Amino acid sequence: MDTTLFTPYRLRSLTIPNRIWMAPMCQYSAAPDGDAAGAPTDWHLTHLAARASGGAGLILAEATAVSPEGRISPYDLGIWNDTQVAAFRRITSFLKTQGSVPGIQLAHAGRKASTERTWVDRGRPIAPDEPHGWTPVGPSALPFSPESTTPDELTEEGVRAIVQQFADAARRALAAGFQVAEIHGAHGYLIHEFLSPHGNHRTDGYGGSFEGRIRFALEVVDAVRAVWPEELPVFFRVSATDWLSENPNDDREGWTSEDTVRLAKEFQARGVDLMDISTGGIAPDARVESGPGYQVPFAESVRDATGMPVAAVGLITDPIQARDILAAGKADAVLLGRELLRDPYWPRRAAAELGGQVTTPVQYHRA
């Protein structure tokens, strides 16, 4: 029986103990303002620690904003100040005691920023004149939806300032004890907005051609890689497709799986160690194909075309399904989201079912 799911995975000098990884999932549970704004709380400690105790090899903390304006909601985590760094240290220290590798997803929400928590009015946009609201920014002055605030179009100076914010956030993430830095370039947030012609109507050097639209992403990668230790890996999460061009009934131009392969080749030359392959998010009405493992083929295509390590996501729920994805060479690791919310001990259950091993807390050992 194939046990790849439970074998260690080495990236640079870092060894991740298995291939069952926790995907970033927003909790909307940080303080929205004051000195503790954006800092992780006891909820975040409990939430992440439970999955580490459950055996996940890598724990990627939720999308963590590089600036206050980069939060998806006012209740998101951030890493733009030292208070947040100190609060994260408690979490990363505990994850390491459980044998898990702590990772962080560095993010800027772009035009999708300033929204309510998902369980409040279905995450409606918060207007700039409402409490805790602000005006989002984006590559172009295009609202995400008819209900969304029209973002301010970033100047070239503003773009460069955000590149620096990503670098500063990476420095703080390292000081906070994280060992993997993932750049969030998916789900319709700022970097994805620049990548996709649906969100980017610029006519300067950050728009137009494929080369112009990927420029911001490349600059962020270069800035993060320049401050992140050579011995530690950098990931990039990408939406492999906007689900626009695949739809024969949709004439909007979007980012495609072919574009993703081209981008992966650029990243290989810039020190990105692994692509985290997701889909969608650029338009609220885009068609989405869903079903067990529906995003895995996009990860497989990047791996086949480039040889670059990839992680697969998307309705991976069953241990046999996860095992078979890796055994077939479709991905190097699986990232579990909602399934780990339902069952924090999924890795231990999978190990029992498939004859593998994951780290178990010593407190649970019994003679």
Protein backbone atom coordinates (compact mmCIF):
# COMPACT_ATOMS: atom_id res chain seq x y z
CA MET A 1 0.00 0.00 0.00
CA ASP A 2 1.33 3.47 -0.93
CA THR A 3 2.22 5.53 2.17
CA THR A 4 3.45 8.72 0.44
CA LEU A 5 0.77 10.68 2.31
CA PHE A 6 2.68 10.05 5.54
CA THR A 7 6.27 10.46 4.34
CA PRO A 8 8.28 13.61 5.15
CA TYR A 9 8.65 16.28 2.49
CA ARG A 10 11.78 18.40 2.23
CA LEU A 11 11.86 21.91 0.78
CA ARG A 12 15.23 23.64 1.00
CA SER A 13 16.46 22.77 4.52
CA LEU A 14 12.96 22.42 5.98
CA THR A 15 11.44 18.96 6.47
CA ILE A 16 7.66 18.81 6.78
CA PRO A 17 6.75 15.56 8.58
CA ASN A 18 3.94 14.46 6.25
CA ARG A 19 1.94 15.55 3.18
CA ILE A 20 -1.34 16.33 4.99
CA TRP A 21 -1.42 20.10 5.32
CA MET A 22 -3.95 22.57 6.69
CA ALA A 23 -5.20 25.18 4.22
CA PRO A 24 -5.59 28.82 5.30
CA MET A 25 -9.17 29.53 6.41
CA CYS A 26 -10.30 32.96 7.63
CA GLN A 27 -11.79 32.96 11.12
CA TYR A 28 -12.88 36.63 11.32
CA SER A 29 -12.07 36.57 15.01
CA ALA A 30 -9.48 39.30 15.61
CA ALA A 31 -10.23 42.67 17.17
CA PRO A 32 -11.31 45.17 14.51
CA ASP A 33 -9.61 48.18 16.05
CA GLY A 34 -7.48 49.38 18.96
CA ASP A 35 -4.07 48.17 20.03
CA ALA A 36 -5.04 44.50 19.53
CA ALA A 37 -6.38 44.96 15.98
CA GLY A 38 -5.30 42.14 13.72
CA ALA A 39 -3.59 40.18 16.51
CA PRO A 40 -4.41 36.48 16.99
CA THR A 41 -6.49 35.58 20.02
CA ASP A 42 -7.12 32.49 22.15
CA TRP A 43 -9.52 31.36 19.41
CA HIS A 44 -6.73 31.30 16.83
CA LEU A 45 -4.44 29.44 19.21
CA THR A 46 -7.08 26.81 19.93
CA HIS A 47 -8.14 26.51 16.29
CA LEU A 48 -4.63 26.02 14.90
CA ALA A 49 -3.28 24.02 17.84
CA ALA A 50 -6.04 21.43 17.55
CA ARG A 51 -5.05 20.63 13.95
CA ALA A 52 -1.39 20.37 14.94
CA SER A 53 -2.29 17.95 17.73
CA GLY A 54 -4.36 16.10 15.15
CA GLY A 55 -1.25 15.39 13.09
CA ALA A 56 -1.23 17.90 10.22
CA GLY A 57 2.34 18.27 8.95
CA LEU A 58 2.04 21.93 7.93
CA ILE A 59 -0.36 24.48 9.43
CA LEU A 60 -0.94 27.52 7.22
CA ALA A 61 -2.48 30.34 9.23
CA GLU A 62 -5.33 32.18 7.57
CA ALA A 63 -4.88 35.08 5.13
CA THR A 64 -2.93 37.60 7.20
CA ALA A 65 -3.01 41.18 5.97
CA VAL A 66 0.16 43.12 5.25
CA SER A 67 -1.62 46.39 6.12
CA PRO A 68 -4.89 47.46 7.79
CA GLU A 69 -6.38 48.27 4.38
CA GLY A 70 -5.37 44.83 3.12
CA ARG A 71 -7.74 42.96 5.42
CA ILE A 72 -10.71 41.18 3.88
CA SER A 73 -12.80 42.18 6.89
CA PRO A 74 -12.04 44.36 9.93
CA TYR A 75 -11.82 41.11 11.93
CA ASP A 76 -8.95 39.56 9.96
CA LEU A 77 -5.47 38.80 11.20
CA GLY A 78 -2.65 41.16 10.31
CA ILE A 79 1.09 41.33 10.60
CA TRP A 80 1.87 44.99 10.19
CA ASN A 81 3.07 45.67 13.76
CA ASP A 82 5.07 44.17 16.61
CA THR A 83 2.02 43.53 18.82
CA GLN A 84 0.81 41.04 16.25
CA VAL A 85 4.26 39.46 16.04
CA ALA A 86 4.33 38.84 19.79
CA ALA A 87 0.85 37.28 19.75
CA PHE A 88 1.78 34.97 16.87
CA ARG A 89 4.88 33.71 18.71
CA ARG A 90 2.70 31.92 21.27
CA ILE A 91 0.99 30.03 18.43
CA THR A 92 4.04 29.15 16.36
CA SER A 93 5.87 27.93 19.45
CA PHE A 94 3.05 25.54 20.33
CA LEU A 95 2.68 24.22 16.77
CA LYS A 96 6.37 23.31 16.77
CA THR A 97 6.01 21.37 20.03
CA GLN A 98 3.45 19.17 18.25
CA GLY A 99 5.78 18.45 15.36
CA SER A 100 3.91 20.67 12.89
CA VAL A 101 5.52 23.32 10.71
CA PRO A 102 3.95 26.78 11.13
CA GLY A 103 3.27 28.71 7.93
CA ILE A 104 1.60 32.02 7.21
CA GLN A 105 -0.31 33.30 4.19
CA LEU A 106 0.58 36.93 3.48
CA ALA A 107 -2.31 38.73 1.85
CA HIS A 108 -3.84 41.95 0.55
CA ALA A 109 -7.55 41.82 -0.22
CA GLY A 110 -7.53 44.61 -2.82
CA ARG A 111 -10.98 45.56 -4.11
CA LYS A 112 -12.63 42.76 -2.07
CA ALA A 113 -11.60 44.41 1.23
CA SER A 114 -13.89 45.99 3.85
CA THR A 115 -16.57 43.32 4.16
CA GLU A 116 -18.54 41.88 7.03
CA ARG A 117 -17.86 38.50 8.59
CA THR A 118 -19.35 35.71 6.52
CA TRP A 119 -22.00 34.95 9.13
CA VAL A 120 -23.16 38.61 9.27
CA ASP A 121 -25.33 39.59 6.29
CA ARG A 122 -23.48 36.98 4.22
CA GLY A 123 -20.28 38.99 4.30
CA ARG A 124 -21.76 42.12 2.71
CA PRO A 125 -19.46 45.01 1.77
CA ILE A 126 -18.96 47.61 4.51
CA ALA A 127 -19.19 51.13 3.09
CA PRO A 128 -16.34 53.58 3.84
CA ASP A 129 -18.65 55.77 5.95
CA GLU A 130 -19.78 52.86 8.16
CA PRO A 131 -18.00 51.90 11.39
CA HIS A 132 -14.88 49.84 10.62
CA GLY A 133 -15.24 50.50 6.88
CA TRP A 134 -12.71 51.91 4.42
CA THR A 135 -12.24 52.46 0.68
CA PRO A 136 -10.53 49.47 -0.95
CA VAL A 137 -7.79 49.76 -3.55
CA GLY A 138 -7.23 47.82 -6.74
CA PRO A 139 -5.36 47.80 -10.03
CA SER A 140 -8.34 49.55 -11.63
CA ALA A 141 -11.40 51.43 -10.40
CA LEU A 142 -13.66 48.40 -10.88
CA PRO A 143 -15.94 47.20 -8.06
CA PHE A 144 -16.02 43.46 -7.38
CA SER A 145 -19.82 43.37 -7.48
CA PRO A 146 -22.67 45.88 -7.93
CA GLU A 147 -22.92 46.11 -4.13
CA SER A 148 -19.20 46.66 -3.59
CA THR A 149 -17.45 49.99 -3.08
CA THR A 150 -15.57 51.17 -6.16
CA PRO A 151 -11.88 50.86 -5.25
CA ASP A 152 -9.32 53.60 -5.65
CA GLU A 153 -7.02 52.79 -8.55
CA LEU A 154 -3.49 52.35 -7.27
CA THR A 155 -0.82 54.68 -8.55
CA GLU A 156 2.55 53.21 -9.44
CA GLU A 157 3.86 54.68 -6.18
CA GLY A 158 1.02 52.95 -4.35
CA VAL A 159 1.87 49.63 -5.99
CA ARG A 160 5.50 49.93 -4.90
CA ALA A 161 4.39 50.76 -1.35
CA ILE A 162 2.38 47.52 -1.16
CA VAL A 163 5.33 45.52 -2.48
CA GLN A 164 7.31 46.93 0.44
CA GLN A 165 4.48 46.02 2.83
CA PHE A 166 4.75 42.40 1.73
CA ALA A 167 8.49 42.44 2.40
CA ASP A 168 8.00 44.04 5.82
CA ALA A 169 5.30 41.50 6.66
CA ALA A 170 7.62 38.65 5.72
CA ARG A 171 10.29 39.99 8.07
CA ARG A 172 7.76 40.13 10.88
CA ALA A 173 6.49 36.64 10.05
CA LEU A 174 10.00 35.30 10.45
CA ALA A 175 10.35 37.09 13.78
CA ALA A 176 7.03 35.55 14.82
CA GLY A 177 8.41 32.05 14.31
CA PHE A 178 6.89 31.04 10.97
CA GLN A 179 8.92 28.71 8.75
CA VAL A 180 6.88 28.91 5.53
CA ALA A 181 5.73 32.12 3.87
CA GLU A 182 2.90 31.78 1.36
CA ILE A 183 2.00 34.74 -0.87
CA HIS A 184 -1.74 34.93 -1.54
CA GLY A 185 -2.22 35.50 -5.27
CA ALA A 186 -5.64 33.85 -5.62
CA HIS A 187 -9.39 34.19 -4.99
CA GLY A 188 -9.84 37.64 -6.50
CA TYR A 189 -7.64 39.46 -4.00
CA LEU A 190 -5.13 42.12 -4.98
CA ILE A 191 -2.41 40.09 -6.69
CA HIS A 192 -5.01 38.04 -8.57
CA GLU A 193 -6.74 41.28 -9.60
CA PHE A 194 -3.51 42.38 -11.25
CA LEU A 195 -3.01 38.99 -12.93
CA SER A 196 -6.47 38.74 -14.46
CA PRO A 197 -7.57 40.88 -17.40
CA HIS A 198 -11.02 40.84 -15.82
CA GLY A 199 -9.76 42.88 -12.85
CA ASN A 200 -6.88 44.76 -14.49
CA HIS A 201 -7.66 47.43 -17.09
CA ARG A 202 -4.45 49.39 -16.60
CA THR A 203 -2.51 50.86 -19.51
CA ASP A 204 0.81 51.38 -17.70
CA GLY A 205 3.59 48.88 -17.01
CA TYR A 206 1.38 46.93 -14.57
CA GLY A 207 -1.36 46.14 -17.09
CA GLY A 208 -2.16 45.19 -20.64
CA SER A 209 0.00 42.27 -21.73
CA PHE A 210 0.62 39.07 -19.78
CA GLU A 211 4.07 40.43 -18.89
CA GLY A 212 2.55 43.66 -17.56
CA ARG A 213 -0.16 41.95 -15.55
CA ILE A 214 2.25 39.56 -13.81
CA ARG A 215 4.75 42.33 -12.96
CA PHE A 216 3.23 43.09 -9.53
CA ALA A 217 3.20 39.40 -8.57
CA LEU A 218 6.85 39.02 -9.59
CA GLU A 219 7.85 42.12 -7.64
CA VAL A 220 6.10 40.81 -4.51
CA VAL A 221 7.81 37.43 -4.89
CA ASP A 222 11.21 39.07 -5.35
CA ALA A 223 10.67 41.33 -2.33
CA VAL A 224 9.58 38.46 -0.05
CA ARG A 225 12.30 36.09 -1.26
CA ALA A 226 14.92 38.81 -0.66
CA VAL A 227 14.10 39.00 3.06
CA TRP A 228 13.05 35.38 3.67
CA PRO A 229 15.92 33.07 4.69
CA GLU A 230 17.54 31.11 1.90
CA GLU A 231 17.04 27.88 3.85
CA LEU A 232 13.25 28.32 4.21
CA PRO A 233 10.59 27.91 1.48
CA VAL A 234 8.26 30.43 -0.13
CA PHE A 235 4.89 29.26 -1.50
CA PHE A 236 2.50 31.05 -3.84
CA ARG A 237 -1.25 30.42 -3.91
CA VAL A 238 -2.77 31.00 -7.32
CA SER A 239 -6.22 30.69 -8.82
CA ALA A 240 -5.41 28.49 -11.79
CA THR A 241 -8.48 29.78 -13.64
CA ASP A 242 -11.11 32.48 -13.21
CA TRP A 243 -13.76 30.09 -14.61
CA LEU A 244 -14.53 32.66 -17.32
CA SER A 245 -12.71 31.51 -20.45
CA GLU A 246 -13.78 27.88 -19.85
CA ASN A 247 -17.44 28.86 -20.12
CA PRO A 248 -18.63 29.00 -23.76
CA ASN A 249 -21.53 31.17 -22.64
CA ASP A 250 -19.26 33.78 -21.00
CA ASP A 251 -17.40 36.17 -23.27
CA ARG A 252 -15.40 37.84 -20.50
CA GLU A 253 -11.64 37.47 -20.66
CA GLY A 254 -10.02 35.92 -17.61
CA TRP A 255 -6.94 34.24 -16.22
CA THR A 256 -6.53 30.70 -17.57
CA SER A 257 -4.78 27.48 -16.65
CA GLU A 258 -2.32 28.11 -19.49
CA ASP A 259 -1.48 31.47 -17.91
CA THR A 260 -0.86 29.70 -14.61
CA VAL A 261 1.68 27.35 -16.19
CA ARG A 262 3.49 30.35 -17.73
CA LEU A 263 3.51 32.11 -14.36
CA ALA A 264 4.85 29.01 -12.61
CA LYS A 265 7.83 28.98 -14.95
CA GLU A 266 8.56 32.60 -14.02
CA PHE A 267 8.34 31.74 -10.33
CA GLN A 268 10.75 28.84 -10.66
CA ALA A 269 13.45 31.29 -11.68
CA ARG A 270 12.67 33.52 -8.69
CA GLY A 271 12.89 31.06 -5.85
CA VAL A 272 9.27 30.07 -5.31
CA ASP A 273 9.41 26.53 -3.94
CA LEU A 274 5.81 25.34 -4.29
CA MET A 275 2.59 26.42 -5.97
CA ASP A 276 -0.64 26.05 -4.00
CA ILE A 277 -3.21 25.62 -6.77
CA SER A 278 -6.77 26.82 -6.22
CA THR A 279 -9.35 28.39 -8.59
CA GLY A 280 -11.88 31.19 -8.96
CA GLY A 281 -12.73 34.34 -7.07
CA ILE A 282 -12.34 37.11 -9.63
CA ALA A 283 -16.06 37.52 -10.39
CA PRO A 284 -19.03 36.74 -8.13
CA ASP A 285 -21.06 35.19 -10.96
CA ALA A 286 -18.33 33.08 -12.57
CA ARG A 287 -19.23 29.45 -13.23
CA VAL A 288 -17.43 27.03 -10.93
CA GLU A 289 -17.00 23.31 -11.54
CA SER A 290 -17.31 21.49 -8.23
CA GLY A 291 -17.01 17.88 -7.20
CA PRO A 292 -14.53 15.72 -5.27
CA GLY A 293 -11.02 16.86 -6.13
CA TYR A 294 -12.28 19.20 -8.86
CA GLN A 295 -9.21 21.45 -8.64
CA VAL A 296 -6.62 18.66 -8.64
CA PRO A 297 -6.21 18.57 -12.46
CA PHE A 298 -4.97 22.15 -12.39
CA ALA A 299 -2.26 21.25 -9.89
CA GLU A 300 -1.35 18.22 -11.98
CA SER A 301 -0.99 20.35 -15.12
CA VAL A 302 1.47 22.71 -13.43
CA ARG A 303 3.50 19.81 -12.04
CA ASP A 304 3.58 18.02 -15.40
CA ALA A 305 4.52 21.11 -17.41
CA THR A 306 7.18 22.50 -15.07
CA GLY A 307 8.27 19.83 -12.61
CA MET A 308 7.52 22.37 -9.88
CA PRO A 309 6.21 21.06 -6.54
CA VAL A 310 2.47 21.67 -6.11
CA ALA A 311 -0.16 21.24 -3.42
CA ALA A 312 -3.69 20.24 -4.38
CA VAL A 313 -6.87 21.60 -2.78
CA GLY A 314 -10.61 21.44 -3.26
CA LEU A 315 -13.07 18.92 -1.78
CA ILE A 316 -10.40 16.45 -0.73
CA THR A 317 -12.23 14.65 2.03
CA ASP A 318 -11.37 10.95 2.01
CA PRO A 319 -8.04 9.37 3.04
CA ILE A 320 -8.04 7.01 0.04
CA GLN A 321 -8.74 9.93 -2.28
CA ALA A 322 -5.81 11.89 -0.79
CA ARG A 323 -3.51 8.87 -0.98
CA ASP A 324 -4.38 8.25 -4.62
CA ILE A 325 -3.74 11.88 -5.63
CA LEU A 326 -0.17 11.62 -4.37
CA ALA A 327 0.39 8.05 -5.55
CA ALA A 328 -0.60 9.06 -9.10
CA GLY A 329 1.88 11.94 -9.07
CA LYS A 330 -0.82 14.60 -9.39
CA ALA A 331 0.52 16.64 -6.45
CA ASP A 332 3.22 16.58 -3.79
CA ALA A 333 0.88 17.34 -0.87
CA VAL A 334 -2.80 17.88 -0.15
CA LEU A 335 -4.23 20.92 1.62
CA LEU A 336 -7.38 20.22 3.60
CA GLY A 337 -9.80 22.99 4.48
CA ARG A 338 -13.39 22.34 5.54
CA GLU A 339 -12.64 18.68 6.20
CA LEU A 340 -10.19 19.69 8.94
CA LEU A 341 -12.84 21.97 10.41
CA ARG A 342 -15.14 18.97 10.64
CA ASP A 343 -12.45 16.65 11.96
CA PRO A 344 -9.25 18.12 13.46
CA TYR A 345 -7.92 14.58 13.84
CA TRP A 346 -8.36 13.63 10.18
CA PRO A 347 -4.61 12.91 9.76
CA ARG A 348 -4.70 10.43 12.66
CA ARG A 349 -7.83 8.80 11.25
CA ALA A 350 -6.21 8.56 7.81
CA ALA A 351 -3.10 6.99 9.31
CA ALA A 352 -5.18 4.38 11.11
CA GLU A 353 -7.14 3.61 7.95
CA LEU A 354 -4.18 3.45 5.56
CA GLY A 355 -1.46 2.02 7.77
CA GLY A 356 0.62 5.18 8.11
CA GLN A 357 1.88 7.21 11.03
CA VAL A 358 1.55 10.84 12.13
CA THR A 359 2.83 12.53 15.26
CA THR A 360 0.61 11.98 18.29
CA PRO A 361 0.90 14.15 21.43
CA VAL A 362 2.76 12.34 24.20
CA GLN A 363 -0.13 13.13 26.51
CA TYR A 364 -2.29 10.76 24.43
CA HIS A 365 0.13 7.84 24.67
CA ARG A 366 -1.00 4.99 26.88
CA ALA A 367 0.90 1.86 27.77
